[in-house]
Amino acid sequence: MQWLAKRAVAELKRTGRITVVVQDNASIHTCKLVKAQIEQWQQQGLFFFQLPPYCSEMNLIEGEWRQTKAHHIRGEMFDDRYDLAMGVIDSVRHRAQDAGYRVKRFNFKTKRTIRSTLMTA
């Protein structure tokens, strides 16, 4: 979030617009460490909108997961997390191709886009 806060403050200075992150109520989003930073982040132009608990219809990723599980990896058996990840990546690539949009992989640890033929759509 610190990385996003830096981008938010630059956007606020450049355009006057705030940055809003929509997130579910996962414990990582609502822990004491995050709550302690909220005021500082808001001063930097970074605000959070918490979805109501158990509100999957407002969490757009839930619909994407539902489609992935129902149409792309249904009935598949994966030997390990890597194989599961490759199955999900393949699903995202196919859904992007079918819908006519481009997708990019992003590594949050390195803060870089991953240039991979796996995501070419």
C-alpha atoms as a PDB file:
ATOM      1  CA  MET A   1       0.000   0.000   0.000  1.00  0.00           C
ATOM      2  CA  GLN A   2       2.926   2.340   0.576  1.00  0.00           C
ATOM      3  CA  TRP A   3       3.789   2.002  -3.110  1.00  0.00           C
ATOM      4  CA  LEU A   4       0.173   2.787  -4.034  1.00  0.00           C
ATOM      5  CA  ALA A   5       0.134   5.729  -1.625  1.00  0.00           C
ATOM      6  CA  LYS A   6       3.165   7.209  -3.408  1.00  0.00           C
ATOM      7  CA  ARG A   7       1.353   6.907  -6.721  1.00  0.00           C
ATOM      8  CA  ALA A   8      -1.803   8.391  -5.172  1.00  0.00           C
ATOM      9  CA  VAL A   9      -0.015  11.481  -3.877  1.00  0.00           C
ATOM     10  CA  ALA A  10       1.556  12.035  -7.306  1.00  0.00           C
ATOM     11  CA  GLU A  11      -1.861  11.687  -8.948  1.00  0.00           C
ATOM     12  CA  LEU A  12      -3.386  14.083  -6.412  1.00  0.00           C
ATOM     13  CA  LYS A  13      -0.703  16.693  -7.096  1.00  0.00           C
ATOM     14  CA  ARG A  14      -0.881  16.207 -10.858  1.00  0.00           C
ATOM     15  CA  THR A  15      -4.669  16.124 -11.330  1.00  0.00           C
ATOM     16  CA  GLY A  16      -6.320  16.944  -8.003  1.00  0.00           C
ATOM     17  CA  ARG A  17      -8.036  13.545  -8.038  1.00  0.00           C
ATOM     18  CA  ILE A  18      -7.955  11.091  -5.178  1.00  0.00           C
ATOM     19  CA  THR A  19      -7.319   7.362  -5.569  1.00  0.00           C
ATOM     20  CA  VAL A  20      -9.938   4.969  -4.223  1.00  0.00           C
ATOM     21  CA  VAL A  21      -9.257   1.292  -3.576  1.00  0.00           C
ATOM     22  CA  VAL A  22     -12.255  -1.018  -3.289  1.00  0.00           C
ATOM     23  CA  GLN A  23     -11.537  -4.031  -1.128  1.00  0.00           C
ATOM     24  CA  ASP A  24     -13.266  -6.798   0.723  1.00  0.00           C
ATOM     25  CA  ASN A  25     -13.052  -7.352   4.458  1.00  0.00           C
ATOM     26  CA  ALA A  26     -10.144  -9.784   4.421  1.00  0.00           C
ATOM     27  CA  SER A  27      -8.153  -9.525   7.637  1.00  0.00           C
ATOM     28  CA  ILE A  28      -5.126  -8.190   5.740  1.00  0.00           C
ATOM     29  CA  HIS A  29      -7.267  -5.188   4.682  1.00  0.00           C
ATOM     30  CA  THR A  30      -8.642  -4.463   8.159  1.00  0.00           C
ATOM     31  CA  CYS A  31      -5.764  -5.286  10.524  1.00  0.00           C
ATOM     32  CA  LYS A  32      -4.397  -2.845  13.126  1.00  0.00           C
ATOM     33  CA  LEU A  33      -1.351  -2.049  10.984  1.00  0.00           C
ATOM     34  CA  VAL A  34      -3.569  -0.925   8.098  1.00  0.00           C
ATOM     35  CA  LYS A  35      -5.932   1.014  10.368  1.00  0.00           C
ATOM     36  CA  ALA A  36      -2.942   2.873  11.821  1.00  0.00           C
ATOM     37  CA  GLN A  37      -1.921   4.047   8.329  1.00  0.00           C
ATOM     38  CA  ILE A  38      -5.340   5.116   7.001  1.00  0.00           C
ATOM     39  CA  GLU A  39      -5.148   8.758   8.122  1.00  0.00           C
ATOM     40  CA  GLN A  40      -1.702   9.193   6.545  1.00  0.00           C
ATOM     41  CA  TRP A  41      -2.816   7.518   3.324  1.00  0.00           C
ATOM     42  CA  GLN A  42      -5.890   9.759   3.129  1.00  0.00           C
ATOM     43  CA  GLN A  43      -3.644  12.816   3.439  1.00  0.00           C
ATOM     44  CA  GLN A  44      -1.753  11.410   0.449  1.00  0.00           C
ATOM     45  CA  GLY A  45      -4.981  11.072  -1.537  1.00  0.00           C
ATOM     46  CA  LEU A  46      -5.462   7.328  -1.021  1.00  0.00           C
ATOM     47  CA  PHE A  47      -8.896   6.281   0.234  1.00  0.00           C
ATOM     48  CA  PHE A  48     -10.487   2.892   0.813  1.00  0.00           C
ATOM     49  CA  PHE A  49     -14.007   1.693   0.195  1.00  0.00           C
ATOM     50  CA  GLN A  50     -14.757  -1.453   2.172  1.00  0.00           C
ATOM     51  CA  LEU A  51     -17.330  -3.762   0.643  1.00  0.00           C
ATOM     52  CA  PRO A  52     -19.991  -4.980   3.050  1.00  0.00           C
ATOM     53  CA  PRO A  53     -19.271  -8.399   4.576  1.00  0.00           C
ATOM     54  CA  TYR A  54     -20.555 -11.343   2.547  1.00  0.00           C
ATOM     55  CA  CYS A  55     -21.378  -9.194  -0.466  1.00  0.00           C
ATOM     56  CA  SER A  56     -19.942 -11.191  -3.348  1.00  0.00           C
ATOM     57  CA  GLU A  57     -22.214  -9.498  -5.902  1.00  0.00           C
ATOM     58  CA  MET A  58     -20.371  -6.211  -5.307  1.00  0.00           C
ATOM     59  CA  ASN A  59     -16.929  -7.809  -5.467  1.00  0.00           C
ATOM     60  CA  LEU A  60     -16.256  -8.108  -9.203  1.00  0.00           C
ATOM     61  CA  ILE A  61     -13.452 -10.607  -8.757  1.00  0.00           C
ATOM     62  CA  GLU A  62     -15.989 -13.101  -7.379  1.00  0.00           C
ATOM     63  CA  GLY A  63     -17.724 -13.234 -10.757  1.00  0.00           C
ATOM     64  CA  GLU A  64     -14.411 -13.783 -12.491  1.00  0.00           C
ATOM     65  CA  TRP A  65     -13.525 -16.621 -10.111  1.00  0.00           C
ATOM     66  CA  ARG A  66     -16.954 -18.167 -10.654  1.00  0.00           C
ATOM     67  CA  GLN A  67     -16.409 -18.158 -14.438  1.00  0.00           C
ATOM     68  CA  THR A  68     -12.885 -19.530 -14.093  1.00  0.00           C
ATOM     69  CA  LYS A  69     -14.002 -22.359 -11.815  1.00  0.00           C
ATOM     70  CA  ALA A  70     -17.117 -23.202 -13.854  1.00  0.00           C
ATOM     71  CA  HIS A  71     -15.674 -23.051 -17.368  1.00  0.00           C
ATOM     72  CA  HIS A  72     -11.904 -23.234 -17.370  1.00  0.00           C
ATOM     73  CA  ILE A  73     -10.614 -25.362 -14.513  1.00  0.00           C
ATOM     74  CA  ARG A  74     -13.732 -27.394 -13.768  1.00  0.00           C
ATOM     75  CA  GLY A  75     -12.860 -31.011 -13.120  1.00  0.00           C
ATOM     76  CA  GLU A  76      -9.121 -30.340 -13.360  1.00  0.00           C
ATOM     77  CA  MET A  77      -6.740 -31.888 -10.865  1.00  0.00           C
ATOM     78  CA  PHE A  78      -3.581 -29.964 -10.009  1.00  0.00           C
ATOM     79  CA  ASP A  79      -0.494 -31.566  -8.522  1.00  0.00           C
ATOM     80  CA  ASP A  80       0.662 -28.429  -6.733  1.00  0.00           C
ATOM     81  CA  ARG A  81       0.175 -24.669  -6.383  1.00  0.00           C
ATOM     82  CA  TYR A  82       2.288 -23.966  -9.433  1.00  0.00           C
ATOM     83  CA  ASP A  83       0.053 -26.098 -11.671  1.00  0.00           C
ATOM     84  CA  LEU A  84      -3.036 -24.423 -10.192  1.00  0.00           C
ATOM     85  CA  ALA A  85      -1.513 -20.991 -10.858  1.00  0.00           C
ATOM     86  CA  MET A  86      -0.791 -21.968 -14.468  1.00  0.00           C
ATOM     87  CA  GLY A  87      -4.411 -23.130 -14.830  1.00  0.00           C
ATOM     88  CA  VAL A  88      -5.697 -19.801 -13.538  1.00  0.00           C
ATOM     89  CA  ILE A  89      -3.303 -17.844 -15.772  1.00  0.00           C
ATOM     90  CA  ASP A  90      -4.466 -19.855 -18.779  1.00  0.00           C
ATOM     91  CA  SER A  91      -8.088 -19.110 -17.860  1.00  0.00           C
ATOM     92  CA  VAL A  92      -7.407 -15.383 -17.591  1.00  0.00           C
ATOM     93  CA  ARG A  93      -5.643 -15.429 -20.957  1.00  0.00           C
ATOM     94  CA  HIS A  94      -8.559 -17.240 -22.632  1.00  0.00           C
ATOM     95  CA  ARG A  95     -11.174 -14.963 -21.066  1.00  0.00           C
ATOM     96  CA  ALA A  96      -9.233 -11.895 -22.212  1.00  0.00           C
ATOM     97  CA  GLN A  97      -8.877 -13.277 -25.715  1.00  0.00           C
ATOM     98  CA  ASP A  98     -12.596 -14.112 -25.907  1.00  0.00           C
ATOM     99  CA  ALA A  99     -13.574 -10.650 -24.664  1.00  0.00           C
ATOM    100  CA  GLY A 100     -11.052  -8.791 -26.820  1.00  0.00           C
ATOM    101  CA  TYR A 101      -9.038  -7.173 -24.061  1.00  0.00           C
ATOM    102  CA  ARG A 102      -5.399  -7.308 -23.010  1.00  0.00           C
ATOM    103  CA  VAL A 103      -4.102  -8.514 -19.684  1.00  0.00           C
ATOM    104  CA  LYS A 104      -0.767  -8.020 -17.963  1.00  0.00           C
ATOM    105  CA  ARG A 105       0.768  -9.832 -15.040  1.00  0.00           C
ATOM    106  CA  PHE A 106       2.148  -7.704 -12.244  1.00  0.00           C
ATOM    107  CA  ASN A 107       4.555  -8.793  -9.522  1.00  0.00           C
ATOM    108  CA  PHE A 108       3.728  -6.851  -6.360  1.00  0.00           C
ATOM    109  CA  LYS A 109       6.995  -7.865  -4.724  1.00  0.00           C
ATOM    110  CA  THR A 110       9.202  -6.400  -7.467  1.00  0.00           C
ATOM    111  CA  LYS A 111       6.614  -3.782  -8.538  1.00  0.00           C
ATOM    112  CA  ARG A 112       7.141  -4.747 -12.172  1.00  0.00           C
ATOM    113  CA  THR A 113       5.023  -5.999 -15.011  1.00  0.00           C
ATOM    114  CA  ILE A 114       5.907  -9.557 -15.890  1.00  0.00           C
ATOM    115  CA  ARG A 115       6.650  -9.911 -19.572  1.00  0.00           C
ATOM    116  CA  SER A 116       5.460 -13.401 -20.301  1.00  0.00           C
ATOM    117  CA  THR A 117       4.061 -15.180 -23.316  1.00  0.00           C
ATOM    118  CA  LEU A 118       1.684 -16.877 -20.859  1.00  0.00           C
ATOM    119  CA  MET A 119      -0.410 -13.712 -20.702  1.00  0.00           C
ATOM    120  CA  THR A 120      -0.265 -12.658 -24.339  1.00  0.00           C
ATOM    121  CA  ALA A 121      -3.795 -12.255 -25.588  1.00  0.00           C
END
